[in-house]
Amino acid sequence: MESEKGITLVELLAALVISSIIVVLAMNIFSTGQNQYNSQNIKVEQLNDVRYALKVITKEIRQADKVEIEDPHLKLGTDSSVIFTFEDGEILHNGVPLLLGIQEFPFEKDEKDNRILIIKVKSSEQKGKMQQLQTEIYIREGVIFE
């Protein structure tokens, strides 16, 4: 019999099956990596948003000559010219949304030192990730703190 060159149908099918398995595994690894990246990206975005809101609030408090807590409002200035409000999952800065998707925004005086204002911001869960930050602001002497 003559030697025939080429591949048989069985060899071709085996090569296709092995190639398909390798491609499926590679796509699975890529998909898992992409999902992890998206999850981390959402978490970082939430954290940055919460951090920015706390930075704005802290700056306004430090510039104020009066700080007044009237839940759900934080009023700053003798004429209450700056007002932070927590309403419907949003932190509003003078009626304009500063931060969306918030679950809690409590502010209170420290029990041990009445010159310290404690502010907490807890974001709503997005894909199972919740961000919570807290800051303590010392209200300087001469500022009315009610």
Protein backbone atom coordinates (compact mmCIF):
# COMPACT_ATOMS: atom_id res chain seq x y z
CA MET A 1 0.00 0.00 0.00
CA GLU A 2 1.10 3.45 -0.73
CA SER A 3 1.84 5.88 2.07
CA GLU A 4 -0.84 8.53 2.09
CA LYS A 5 -0.03 11.96 3.41
CA GLY A 6 -2.59 14.11 5.24
CA ILE A 7 -4.72 13.94 8.32
CA THR A 8 -7.66 11.74 9.07
CA LEU A 9 -11.08 12.92 10.11
CA VAL A 10 -10.48 11.63 13.66
CA GLU A 11 -7.27 13.63 13.96
CA LEU A 12 -9.04 16.74 12.67
CA LEU A 13 -11.89 16.35 15.17
CA ALA A 14 -9.44 15.78 18.04
CA ALA A 15 -7.55 18.94 17.12
CA LEU A 16 -10.82 20.93 16.96
CA VAL A 17 -11.95 19.65 20.37
CA ILE A 18 -8.62 20.49 22.01
CA SER A 19 -8.58 23.94 20.38
CA SER A 20 -12.16 24.60 21.50
CA ILE A 21 -11.34 23.65 25.10
CA ILE A 22 -8.35 26.01 25.11
CA VAL A 23 -10.43 28.87 23.67
CA VAL A 24 -13.24 28.33 26.21
CA LEU A 25 -10.75 28.33 29.10
CA ALA A 26 -9.07 31.49 27.81
CA MET A 27 -12.43 33.26 27.43
CA ASN A 28 -13.45 32.20 30.93
CA ILE A 29 -10.25 33.64 32.40
CA PHE A 30 -10.73 36.86 30.44
CA SER A 31 -14.38 37.14 31.53
CA THR A 32 -13.49 36.63 35.19
CA GLY A 33 -10.80 39.30 34.97
CA GLN A 34 -13.19 41.73 33.29
CA ASN A 35 -15.86 41.17 35.96
CA GLN A 36 -13.31 41.73 38.73
CA TYR A 37 -12.11 44.93 37.06
CA ASN A 38 -15.68 46.26 36.76
CA SER A 39 -16.42 45.43 40.39
CA GLN A 40 -13.28 47.17 41.62
CA ASN A 41 -13.96 50.14 39.37
CA ILE A 42 -17.44 50.63 40.88
CA LYS A 43 -16.01 50.35 44.39
CA VAL A 44 -13.30 52.94 43.69
CA GLU A 45 -15.81 55.29 42.06
CA GLN A 46 -18.12 55.09 45.07
CA LEU A 47 -15.25 55.69 47.46
CA ASN A 48 -14.05 58.71 45.48
CA ASP A 49 -17.55 60.19 45.39
CA VAL A 50 -18.02 59.78 49.15
CA ARG A 51 -14.55 61.16 49.85
CA TYR A 52 -15.21 64.20 47.64
CA ALA A 53 -18.52 64.93 49.39
CA LEU A 54 -16.85 64.77 52.80
CA LYS A 55 -14.11 67.10 51.56
CA VAL A 56 -16.68 69.68 50.41
CA ILE A 57 -18.64 69.42 53.67
CA THR A 58 -15.48 69.71 55.78
CA LYS A 59 -14.30 72.77 53.87
CA GLU A 60 -17.66 74.51 54.30
CA ILE A 61 -17.75 73.71 58.03
CA ARG A 62 -14.25 75.09 58.59
CA GLN A 63 -15.20 78.36 56.89
CA ALA A 64 -18.46 78.78 58.83
CA ASP A 65 -18.96 81.07 61.82
CA LYS A 66 -21.94 79.02 62.98
CA VAL A 67 -22.70 75.28 62.77
CA GLU A 68 -26.23 74.15 63.53
CA ILE A 69 -27.53 70.58 63.53
CA GLU A 70 -31.22 70.25 62.69
CA ASP A 71 -31.72 66.68 61.53
CA PRO A 72 -31.84 66.08 58.51
CA HIS A 73 -30.15 69.47 57.92
CA LEU A 74 -26.69 70.74 58.71
CA LYS A 75 -26.85 74.55 58.58
CA LEU A 76 -23.72 76.65 58.33
CA GLY A 77 -23.29 80.40 58.76
CA THR A 78 -25.21 82.89 60.89
CA ASP A 79 -27.80 83.29 58.17
CA SER A 80 -27.83 79.56 57.31
CA SER A 81 -26.42 80.41 53.89
CA VAL A 82 -25.02 76.90 53.45
CA ILE A 83 -27.31 73.95 54.10
CA PHE A 84 -26.51 70.26 53.70
CA THR A 85 -29.57 68.03 53.64
CA PHE A 86 -30.08 64.28 53.41
CA GLU A 87 -33.20 63.53 51.37
CA ASP A 88 -34.31 60.51 49.32
CA GLY A 89 -30.86 58.92 49.26
CA GLU A 90 -29.14 62.16 48.21
CA ILE A 91 -26.93 64.66 49.99
CA LEU A 92 -27.98 68.11 48.86
CA HIS A 93 -25.76 71.19 49.08
CA ASN A 94 -28.08 74.21 49.11
CA GLY A 95 -30.68 72.14 47.27
CA VAL A 96 -28.27 70.90 44.59
CA PRO A 97 -27.33 67.19 44.62
CA LEU A 98 -23.80 66.70 45.91
CA LEU A 99 -23.84 62.92 46.26
CA LEU A 100 -26.35 60.33 45.03
CA GLY A 101 -27.00 56.77 46.16
CA ILE A 102 -26.58 57.33 49.90
CA GLN A 103 -28.09 55.10 52.54
CA GLU A 104 -27.17 57.12 55.65
CA PHE A 105 -25.84 60.61 56.39
CA PRO A 106 -25.91 61.15 60.17
CA PHE A 107 -24.11 64.05 61.83
CA GLU A 108 -23.85 64.48 65.57
CA LYS A 109 -21.82 66.03 68.35
CA ASP A 110 -19.23 63.83 70.00
CA GLU A 111 -20.42 62.66 73.42
CA LYS A 112 -17.04 63.27 75.06
CA ASP A 113 -16.12 66.59 73.42
CA ASN A 114 -18.95 68.93 72.41
CA ARG A 115 -16.63 70.79 70.00
CA ILE A 116 -16.28 67.76 67.71
CA LEU A 117 -18.77 67.11 64.91
CA ILE A 118 -18.92 63.52 63.66
CA ILE A 119 -20.13 63.01 60.10
CA LYS A 120 -20.73 59.58 58.55
CA VAL A 121 -21.61 58.78 54.97
CA LYS A 122 -22.75 55.29 54.00
CA SER A 123 -23.37 54.62 50.33
CA SER A 124 -26.11 52.33 49.06
CA GLU A 125 -25.15 48.85 48.00
CA GLN A 126 -24.19 48.50 44.37
CA LYS A 127 -23.35 44.96 43.32
CA GLY A 128 -22.95 44.05 46.98
CA LYS A 129 -20.41 46.78 47.73
CA MET A 130 -21.16 49.40 50.36
CA GLN A 131 -18.78 52.23 51.21
CA GLN A 132 -18.79 53.96 54.58
CA LEU A 133 -16.57 56.83 55.62
CA GLN A 134 -16.53 58.87 58.79
CA THR A 135 -14.82 62.11 59.67
CA GLU A 136 -14.50 64.07 62.87
CA ILE A 137 -14.23 67.83 62.63
CA TYR A 138 -13.09 69.95 65.55
CA ILE A 139 -15.15 73.13 65.61
CA ARG A 140 -12.76 75.93 66.50
CA GLU A 141 -13.28 78.35 69.36
CA GLY A 142 -15.42 81.34 68.48
CA VAL A 143 -17.68 79.36 66.18
CA ILE A 144 -21.25 78.93 67.41
CA PHE A 145 -21.99 75.20 67.57
CA GLU A 146 -25.56 74.17 68.27
